[in-house]
C-alpha atoms as a PDB file:
ATOM      1  CA  MET A   1    -151.598 -82.320 -80.214  1.00  0.00           C
ATOM      2  CA  ASN A   2    -149.100 -85.000 -79.163  1.00  0.00           C
ATOM      3  CA  HIS A   3    -145.595 -83.769 -78.299  1.00  0.00           C
ATOM      4  CA  ASN A   4    -143.880 -86.361 -80.475  1.00  0.00           C
ATOM      5  CA  ASN A   5    -140.322 -85.767 -81.725  1.00  0.00           C
ATOM      6  CA  GLU A   6    -141.593 -84.832 -85.307  1.00  0.00           C
ATOM      7  CA  LEU A   7    -143.777 -82.052 -83.944  1.00  0.00           C
ATOM      8  CA  LYS A   8    -141.095 -80.757 -81.781  1.00  0.00           C
ATOM      9  CA  GLU A   9    -138.720 -80.672 -84.628  1.00  0.00           C
ATOM     10  CA  TYR A  10    -141.427 -78.833 -86.738  1.00  0.00           C
ATOM     11  CA  PHE A  11    -141.841 -76.267 -84.080  1.00  0.00           C
ATOM     12  CA  TRP A  12    -138.171 -75.560 -83.301  1.00  0.00           C
ATOM     13  CA  SER A  13    -137.381 -75.339 -87.092  1.00  0.00           C
ATOM     14  CA  ARG A  14    -139.686 -72.252 -87.051  1.00  0.00           C
ATOM     15  CA  VAL A  15    -138.190 -70.547 -83.956  1.00  0.00           C
ATOM     16  CA  ASN A  16    -135.337 -68.051 -84.067  1.00  0.00           C
ATOM     17  CA  LYS A  17    -133.758 -67.726 -80.647  1.00  0.00           C
ATOM     18  CA  CYS A  18    -131.676 -64.782 -81.608  1.00  0.00           C
ATOM     19  CA  GLY A  19    -134.500 -62.261 -81.418  1.00  0.00           C
ATOM     20  CA  LYS A  20    -134.151 -58.764 -80.025  1.00  0.00           C
ATOM     21  CA  ASN A  21    -134.459 -58.551 -76.146  1.00  0.00           C
ATOM     22  CA  GLY A  22    -134.007 -62.328 -75.752  1.00  0.00           C
ATOM     23  CA  CYS A  23    -137.181 -63.117 -77.582  1.00  0.00           C
ATOM     24  CA  TRP A  24    -137.708 -66.373 -79.477  1.00  0.00           C
ATOM     25  CA  GLU A  25    -139.331 -65.122 -82.711  1.00  0.00           C
ATOM     26  CA  TRP A  26    -141.740 -67.371 -84.541  1.00  0.00           C
ATOM     27  CA  GLN A  27    -140.993 -67.702 -88.187  1.00  0.00           C
ATOM     28  CA  GLY A  28    -144.022 -69.683 -89.147  1.00  0.00           C
ATOM     29  CA  THR A  29    -147.674 -68.836 -89.820  1.00  0.00           C
ATOM     30  CA  MET A  30    -149.452 -65.935 -88.058  1.00  0.00           C
ATOM     31  CA  GLN A  31    -153.083 -65.481 -87.619  1.00  0.00           C
ATOM     32  CA  GLY A  32    -153.352 -61.796 -87.099  1.00  0.00           C
ATOM     33  CA  ALA A  33    -151.065 -61.184 -84.066  1.00  0.00           C
ATOM     34  CA  THR A  34    -151.020 -64.808 -83.011  1.00  0.00           C
ATOM     35  CA  PRO A  35    -148.195 -67.316 -83.945  1.00  0.00           C
ATOM     36  CA  VAL A  36    -149.874 -70.539 -84.932  1.00  0.00           C
ATOM     37  CA  ILE A  37    -148.646 -74.018 -85.780  1.00  0.00           C
ATOM     38  CA  TRP A  38    -150.372 -75.830 -88.696  1.00  0.00           C
ATOM     39  CA  TYR A  39    -149.271 -79.414 -88.340  1.00  0.00           C
ATOM     40  CA  LYS A  40    -150.864 -82.342 -90.003  1.00  0.00           C
ATOM     41  CA  TYR A  41    -154.092 -80.456 -90.727  1.00  0.00           C
ATOM     42  CA  LYS A  42    -154.415 -79.261 -87.167  1.00  0.00           C
ATOM     43  CA  CYS A  43    -153.888 -75.627 -85.821  1.00  0.00           C
ATOM     44  CA  MET A  44    -152.789 -74.503 -82.412  1.00  0.00           C
ATOM     45  CA  SER A  45    -151.232 -71.519 -80.756  1.00  0.00           C
ATOM     46  CA  ALA A  46    -147.393 -71.687 -81.059  1.00  0.00           C
ATOM     47  CA  ARG A  47    -147.223 -69.792 -77.673  1.00  0.00           C
ATOM     48  CA  GLN A  48    -149.340 -72.408 -75.968  1.00  0.00           C
ATOM     49  CA  TYR A  49    -147.245 -75.232 -77.452  1.00  0.00           C
ATOM     50  CA  SER A  50    -144.020 -73.562 -76.261  1.00  0.00           C
ATOM     51  CA  LEU A  51    -145.498 -73.342 -72.784  1.00  0.00           C
ATOM     52  CA  ARG A  52    -146.474 -77.023 -72.891  1.00  0.00           C
ATOM     53  CA  LEU A  53    -142.893 -77.937 -73.942  1.00  0.00           C
ATOM     54  CA  ALA A  54    -141.496 -75.913 -71.060  1.00  0.00           C
ATOM     55  CA  TYR A  55    -143.865 -76.762 -68.267  1.00  0.00           C
ATOM     56  CA  GLY A  56    -145.537 -80.062 -69.418  1.00  0.00           C
ATOM     57  CA  GLU A  57    -148.902 -80.684 -67.826  1.00  0.00           C
ATOM     58  CA  ASN A  58    -148.400 -77.733 -65.450  1.00  0.00           C
ATOM     59  CA  ALA A  59    -148.523 -75.243 -68.292  1.00  0.00           C
ATOM     60  CA  PRO A  60    -150.978 -72.430 -67.939  1.00  0.00           C
ATOM     61  CA  SER A  61    -154.029 -73.281 -70.025  1.00  0.00           C
ATOM     62  CA  GLN A  62    -154.508 -69.598 -71.241  1.00  0.00           C
ATOM     63  CA  VAL A  63    -151.815 -67.345 -72.542  1.00  0.00           C
ATOM     64  CA  SER A  64    -152.196 -63.741 -71.740  1.00  0.00           C
ATOM     65  CA  ARG A  65    -152.338 -61.405 -74.683  1.00  0.00           C
ATOM     66  CA  ARG A  66    -149.938 -59.285 -72.754  1.00  0.00           C
ATOM     67  CA  ARG A  67    -146.363 -60.353 -72.836  1.00  0.00           C
ATOM     68  CA  ARG A  68    -143.291 -59.287 -70.907  1.00  0.00           C
ATOM     69  CA  CYS A  69    -141.900 -58.053 -74.272  1.00  0.00           C
ATOM     70  CA  SER A  70    -143.791 -56.222 -76.984  1.00  0.00           C
ATOM     71  CA  ASN A  71    -142.818 -58.670 -79.795  1.00  0.00           C
ATOM     72  CA  GLU A  72    -146.004 -60.293 -81.179  1.00  0.00           C
ATOM     73  CA  LYS A  73    -143.976 -63.012 -82.728  1.00  0.00           C
ATOM     74  CA  CYS A  74    -142.317 -63.994 -79.436  1.00  0.00           C
ATOM     75  CA  VAL A  75    -142.934 -67.615 -78.162  1.00  0.00           C
ATOM     76  CA  ARG A  76    -140.382 -67.675 -75.391  1.00  0.00           C
ATOM     77  CA  PRO A  77    -142.065 -69.131 -72.265  1.00  0.00           C
ATOM     78  CA  ALA A  78    -140.337 -66.633 -69.931  1.00  0.00           C
ATOM     79  CA  HIS A  79    -141.885 -63.877 -71.946  1.00  0.00           C
ATOM     80  CA  LEU A  80    -145.413 -65.384 -71.855  1.00  0.00           C
ATOM     81  CA  VAL A  81    -146.269 -66.262 -68.384  1.00  0.00           C
ATOM     82  CA  LYS A  82    -148.255 -63.982 -66.233  1.00  0.00           C
END
């Protein structure tokens, strides 16, 4: 997915940065325990998109199922990286 302004706005409109323990809680769609973005008929991991926004092309290609927090809705990059 392209990181255009419209998609960024869509992503951020579904993130609550006031979560417990500094988590950024996903307020959008979940597929099981995975926060996902459905945007213009495409689906991707909200965690992966968050990492791409934070790290650009250097973002890890795989997001660990384990996080530094225990909040499955968390999309904060600092809580996701191995």
